[in-house]
Amino acid sequence: MFDELKNYINQRITYTKLEVVDAVSNIVAATAFGIIIGMFLMLVLFVSSLSIGFLLDSWLDSQGLGFLILLGFYLIVILILYLKRKAIIGFFTDQAVRMSINAIDNSDDE
């Protein structure tokens, strides 16, 4: 009886470790995917910024004025993001918690 109980406890410990590994691996995979998507979005933002800057330059017939306007736009966006930082941090915290809970729930389903 004692050996069966000991065996059961060891199996539960092993199962719990596997559940944790599964949950962590799901979180790491989702994070890696997010980073890859973020990198490509940054590349798109960079190329589109150059394109818009040169387009504004040609429309305004002024070298640099288009890029200066684009810089002003990005500074306004940065200011808005700074002012809304608590809400943005809260959003990402909520998303991280949801991802963690989903990863744990998915490991329970299997």
Protein backbone atom coordinates (compact mmCIF):
# COMPACT_ATOMS: atom_id res chain seq x y z
CA MET A 1 0.00 0.00 0.00
CA PHE A 2 2.80 2.42 0.92
CA ASP A 3 4.69 1.62 -2.30
CA GLU A 4 1.56 2.28 -4.37
CA LEU A 5 1.03 5.63 -2.65
CA LYS A 6 4.68 6.55 -3.18
CA ASN A 7 4.44 5.52 -6.84
CA TYR A 8 1.24 7.57 -7.27
CA ILE A 9 2.85 10.67 -5.74
CA ASN A 10 5.92 10.31 -7.95
CA GLN A 11 3.73 9.98 -11.03
CA ARG A 12 1.72 13.07 -10.05
CA ILE A 13 4.95 15.03 -9.57
CA THR A 14 6.19 13.91 -12.99
CA TYR A 15 2.82 14.77 -14.57
CA THR A 16 2.85 18.23 -12.96
CA LYS A 17 6.37 18.87 -14.21
CA LEU A 18 5.29 17.89 -17.72
CA GLU A 19 2.30 20.21 -17.49
CA VAL A 20 4.58 23.09 -16.46
CA VAL A 21 6.99 22.32 -19.30
CA ASP A 22 4.09 22.23 -21.77
CA ALA A 23 2.68 25.54 -20.50
CA VAL A 24 6.09 27.24 -20.57
CA SER A 25 6.83 25.92 -24.06
CA ASN A 26 3.48 27.27 -25.31
CA ILE A 27 4.26 30.68 -23.81
CA VAL A 28 7.77 30.70 -25.29
CA ALA A 29 6.44 29.69 -28.71
CA ALA A 30 3.78 32.41 -28.65
CA THR A 31 6.37 34.97 -27.55
CA ALA A 32 8.80 33.93 -30.29
CA PHE A 33 6.00 34.19 -32.86
CA GLY A 34 5.13 37.66 -31.56
CA ILE A 35 8.75 38.75 -31.83
CA ILE A 36 9.01 37.49 -35.42
CA ILE A 37 5.79 39.29 -36.38
CA GLY A 38 7.05 42.41 -34.59
CA MET A 39 10.31 42.33 -36.53
CA PHE A 40 8.49 42.14 -39.85
CA LEU A 41 6.12 44.91 -38.78
CA MET A 42 9.14 47.08 -37.93
CA LEU A 43 10.61 46.37 -41.35
CA VAL A 44 7.33 47.36 -43.01
CA LEU A 45 7.18 50.51 -40.88
CA PHE A 46 10.76 51.42 -41.81
CA VAL A 47 10.26 50.93 -45.55
CA SER A 48 6.89 52.68 -45.56
CA SER A 49 8.37 55.59 -43.58
CA LEU A 50 11.11 56.02 -46.17
CA SER A 51 8.54 55.83 -48.96
CA ILE A 52 6.25 58.37 -47.32
CA GLY A 53 9.19 60.67 -46.57
CA PHE A 54 10.35 60.64 -50.20
CA LEU A 55 6.76 61.04 -51.42
CA LEU A 56 6.24 64.08 -49.20
CA ASP A 57 9.59 65.46 -50.38
CA SER A 58 8.50 65.21 -54.01
CA TRP A 59 5.10 66.76 -53.27
CA LEU A 60 6.56 69.65 -51.29
CA ASP A 61 9.57 70.16 -53.59
CA SER A 62 11.81 70.36 -50.55
CA GLN A 63 14.52 67.97 -49.52
CA GLY A 64 14.06 67.07 -45.91
CA LEU A 65 10.72 68.79 -45.27
CA GLY A 66 8.81 65.56 -45.91
CA PHE A 67 11.02 63.70 -43.47
CA LEU A 68 10.64 66.53 -40.96
CA ILE A 69 6.85 66.24 -41.19
CA LEU A 70 7.15 62.48 -40.75
CA LEU A 71 9.40 63.03 -37.72
CA GLY A 72 6.77 65.36 -36.22
CA PHE A 73 4.13 62.69 -36.76
CA TYR A 74 6.26 60.07 -35.00
CA LEU A 75 6.99 62.46 -32.12
CA ILE A 76 3.24 63.01 -31.66
CA VAL A 77 2.69 59.22 -31.69
CA ILE A 78 5.47 58.78 -29.10
CA LEU A 79 3.91 61.49 -26.92
CA ILE A 80 0.48 59.82 -27.10
CA LEU A 81 2.02 56.43 -26.28
CA TYR A 82 3.86 57.97 -23.32
CA LEU A 83 0.70 59.58 -21.99
CA LYS A 84 -1.24 56.30 -22.38
CA ARG A 85 1.59 54.09 -21.06
CA LYS A 86 -0.35 52.77 -18.04
CA ALA A 87 -3.22 51.58 -20.22
CA ILE A 88 -0.81 50.04 -22.73
CA ILE A 89 1.19 48.26 -20.03
CA GLY A 90 -2.07 47.00 -18.52
CA PHE A 91 -3.16 45.69 -21.90
CA PHE A 92 0.07 43.76 -22.43
CA THR A 93 -0.05 42.44 -18.87
CA ASP A 94 -3.59 41.19 -19.45
CA GLN A 95 -2.52 39.54 -22.70
CA ALA A 96 0.40 37.81 -20.98
CA VAL A 97 -1.91 36.49 -18.25
CA ARG A 98 -4.42 35.29 -20.86
CA MET A 99 -1.66 33.53 -22.80
CA SER A 100 -0.44 31.86 -19.62
CA ILE A 101 -3.93 30.72 -18.64
CA ASN A 102 -4.61 29.46 -22.17
CA ALA A 103 -1.32 27.56 -22.17
CA ILE A 104 -2.20 25.93 -18.86
CA ASP A 105 -5.73 25.15 -20.04
CA ASN A 106 -4.42 23.64 -23.27
CA SER A 107 -2.05 21.42 -21.35
CA ASP A 108 -4.98 20.23 -19.20
CA ASP A 109 -7.00 19.26 -22.29
CA GLU A 110 -4.35 16.88 -23.55
